[in-house]
Amino acid sequence: MKKNLLLLAIVVFLAIIPLFIQKGAEFEGADGQAEAAIGEINADYEPWFESIWEPPSGEIESLLFALQAAIGAGFIGYFIGFMRGKHKEG
């Protein structure tokens, strides 16, 4: 139990400390950086397709991304737990 709490504290520490070290920094994804790099390489580039739907705000986009990650993590955790339980039974 102490080991799990220590690991959780380390994860929280590693997630929060960059916010204090890099004050005023923008923590954005790689999509914007990739778009800027493509624009520098070829200014006439046009995307192959457009998004079907764009979220109304960045917060909603972040929420959907976090929800997708949570569902994926839940599925992976369930699968690993199921396989471990199945292995212990047999």
C-alpha atoms as a PDB file:
ATOM      1  CA  MET A   1       0.000   0.000   0.000  1.00  0.00           C
ATOM      2  CA  LYS A   2       2.817   2.416   0.846  1.00  0.00           C
ATOM      3  CA  LYS A   3       4.515   1.543  -2.432  1.00  0.00           C
ATOM      4  CA  ASN A   4       1.369   2.477  -4.406  1.00  0.00           C
ATOM      5  CA  LEU A   5       0.973   5.764  -2.539  1.00  0.00           C
ATOM      6  CA  LEU A   6       4.625   6.602  -3.146  1.00  0.00           C
ATOM      7  CA  LEU A   7       4.281   5.873  -6.868  1.00  0.00           C
ATOM      8  CA  LEU A   8       1.098   7.959  -7.049  1.00  0.00           C
ATOM      9  CA  ALA A   9       2.831  10.855  -5.289  1.00  0.00           C
ATOM     10  CA  ILE A  10       5.741  10.655  -7.747  1.00  0.00           C
ATOM     11  CA  VAL A  11       3.359  10.724 -10.726  1.00  0.00           C
ATOM     12  CA  VAL A  12       1.490  13.732  -9.331  1.00  0.00           C
ATOM     13  CA  PHE A  13       4.789  15.484  -8.605  1.00  0.00           C
ATOM     14  CA  LEU A  14       6.049  14.841 -12.147  1.00  0.00           C
ATOM     15  CA  ALA A  15       2.800  16.154 -13.620  1.00  0.00           C
ATOM     16  CA  ILE A  16       2.670  19.348 -11.540  1.00  0.00           C
ATOM     17  CA  ILE A  17       6.327  20.417 -11.318  1.00  0.00           C
ATOM     18  CA  PRO A  18       6.615  21.541 -14.996  1.00  0.00           C
ATOM     19  CA  LEU A  19       3.783  24.006 -14.406  1.00  0.00           C
ATOM     20  CA  PHE A  20       5.915  25.801 -11.805  1.00  0.00           C
ATOM     21  CA  ILE A  21       9.237  25.510 -13.636  1.00  0.00           C
ATOM     22  CA  GLN A  22       7.951  26.860 -16.974  1.00  0.00           C
ATOM     23  CA  LYS A  23       5.788  29.788 -15.875  1.00  0.00           C
ATOM     24  CA  GLY A  24       3.897  31.353 -18.770  1.00  0.00           C
ATOM     25  CA  ALA A  25       4.771  28.512 -21.143  1.00  0.00           C
ATOM     26  CA  GLU A  26       2.221  27.249 -23.631  1.00  0.00           C
ATOM     27  CA  PHE A  27       1.633  23.519 -23.357  1.00  0.00           C
ATOM     28  CA  GLU A  28       0.097  22.768 -26.725  1.00  0.00           C
ATOM     29  CA  GLY A  29      -0.007  19.595 -28.760  1.00  0.00           C
ATOM     30  CA  ALA A  30       2.111  18.630 -31.722  1.00  0.00           C
ATOM     31  CA  ASP A  31      -0.677  19.313 -34.241  1.00  0.00           C
ATOM     32  CA  GLY A  32      -0.096  23.060 -34.291  1.00  0.00           C
ATOM     33  CA  GLN A  33       3.663  22.617 -34.522  1.00  0.00           C
ATOM     34  CA  ALA A  34       3.280  20.161 -37.413  1.00  0.00           C
ATOM     35  CA  GLU A  35       0.987  22.576 -39.248  1.00  0.00           C
ATOM     36  CA  ALA A  36       3.521  25.382 -38.824  1.00  0.00           C
ATOM     37  CA  ALA A  37       6.379  23.158 -40.063  1.00  0.00           C
ATOM     38  CA  ILE A  38       4.381  22.115 -43.150  1.00  0.00           C
ATOM     39  CA  GLY A  39       3.618  25.776 -43.855  1.00  0.00           C
ATOM     40  CA  GLU A  40       7.326  26.593 -43.726  1.00  0.00           C
ATOM     41  CA  ILE A  41       8.238  23.742 -46.068  1.00  0.00           C
ATOM     42  CA  ASN A  42       5.449  24.288 -48.605  1.00  0.00           C
ATOM     43  CA  ALA A  43       3.347  27.439 -48.321  1.00  0.00           C
ATOM     44  CA  ASP A  44       0.963  26.215 -51.076  1.00  0.00           C
ATOM     45  CA  TYR A  45       0.065  22.997 -49.245  1.00  0.00           C
ATOM     46  CA  GLU A  46      -3.656  22.281 -48.889  1.00  0.00           C
ATOM     47  CA  PRO A  47      -4.995  19.553 -46.578  1.00  0.00           C
ATOM     48  CA  TRP A  48      -6.562  16.512 -48.218  1.00  0.00           C
ATOM     49  CA  PHE A  49      -9.757  16.793 -46.176  1.00  0.00           C
ATOM     50  CA  GLU A  50     -11.513  18.956 -43.626  1.00  0.00           C
ATOM     51  CA  SER A  51     -12.785  17.934 -40.193  1.00  0.00           C
ATOM     52  CA  ILE A  52     -16.393  16.759 -40.119  1.00  0.00           C
ATOM     53  CA  TRP A  53     -16.991  18.523 -36.797  1.00  0.00           C
ATOM     54  CA  GLU A  54     -14.847  20.832 -34.716  1.00  0.00           C
ATOM     55  CA  PRO A  55     -15.522  21.217 -30.986  1.00  0.00           C
ATOM     56  CA  PRO A  56     -16.846  24.664 -30.060  1.00  0.00           C
ATOM     57  CA  SER A  57     -13.901  25.348 -27.715  1.00  0.00           C
ATOM     58  CA  GLY A  58     -10.498  24.085 -26.689  1.00  0.00           C
ATOM     59  CA  GLU A  59     -11.901  22.954 -23.343  1.00  0.00           C
ATOM     60  CA  ILE A  60     -14.429  20.653 -25.032  1.00  0.00           C
ATOM     61  CA  GLU A  61     -11.686  19.286 -27.272  1.00  0.00           C
ATOM     62  CA  SER A  62      -9.543  18.562 -24.194  1.00  0.00           C
ATOM     63  CA  LEU A  63     -12.525  16.943 -22.465  1.00  0.00           C
ATOM     64  CA  LEU A  64     -13.163  14.633 -25.416  1.00  0.00           C
ATOM     65  CA  PHE A  65      -9.480  13.720 -25.603  1.00  0.00           C
ATOM     66  CA  ALA A  66      -9.377  12.958 -21.868  1.00  0.00           C
ATOM     67  CA  LEU A  67     -12.581  10.918 -22.139  1.00  0.00           C
ATOM     68  CA  GLN A  68     -11.105   8.911 -24.998  1.00  0.00           C
ATOM     69  CA  ALA A  69      -7.944   8.278 -22.966  1.00  0.00           C
ATOM     70  CA  ALA A  70      -9.976   7.247 -19.895  1.00  0.00           C
ATOM     71  CA  ILE A  71     -12.086   4.789 -21.891  1.00  0.00           C
ATOM     72  CA  GLY A  72      -8.950   3.289 -23.438  1.00  0.00           C
ATOM     73  CA  ALA A  73      -7.209   3.016 -20.073  1.00  0.00           C
ATOM     74  CA  GLY A  74     -10.319   1.432 -18.549  1.00  0.00           C
ATOM     75  CA  PHE A  75     -10.484  -1.140 -21.336  1.00  0.00           C
ATOM     76  CA  ILE A  76      -6.787  -1.980 -21.011  1.00  0.00           C
ATOM     77  CA  GLY A  77      -7.066  -2.243 -17.209  1.00  0.00           C
ATOM     78  CA  TYR A  78     -10.147  -4.462 -17.468  1.00  0.00           C
ATOM     79  CA  PHE A  79      -8.457  -6.719 -20.024  1.00  0.00           C
ATOM     80  CA  ILE A  80      -5.268  -7.079 -17.974  1.00  0.00           C
ATOM     81  CA  GLY A  81      -7.285  -7.776 -14.808  1.00  0.00           C
ATOM     82  CA  PHE A  82      -9.489 -10.275 -16.612  1.00  0.00           C
ATOM     83  CA  MET A  83      -6.514 -12.137 -18.064  1.00  0.00           C
ATOM     84  CA  ARG A  84      -4.718 -12.144 -14.704  1.00  0.00           C
ATOM     85  CA  GLY A  85      -7.820 -13.519 -12.956  1.00  0.00           C
ATOM     86  CA  LYS A  86      -8.257 -16.127 -15.669  1.00  0.00           C
ATOM     87  CA  HIS A  87      -4.599 -17.143 -15.263  1.00  0.00           C
ATOM     88  CA  LYS A  88      -4.972 -17.477 -11.453  1.00  0.00           C
ATOM     89  CA  GLU A  89      -8.063 -19.703 -11.830  1.00  0.00           C
ATOM     90  CA  GLY A  90      -6.458 -22.115 -14.289  1.00  0.00           C
END
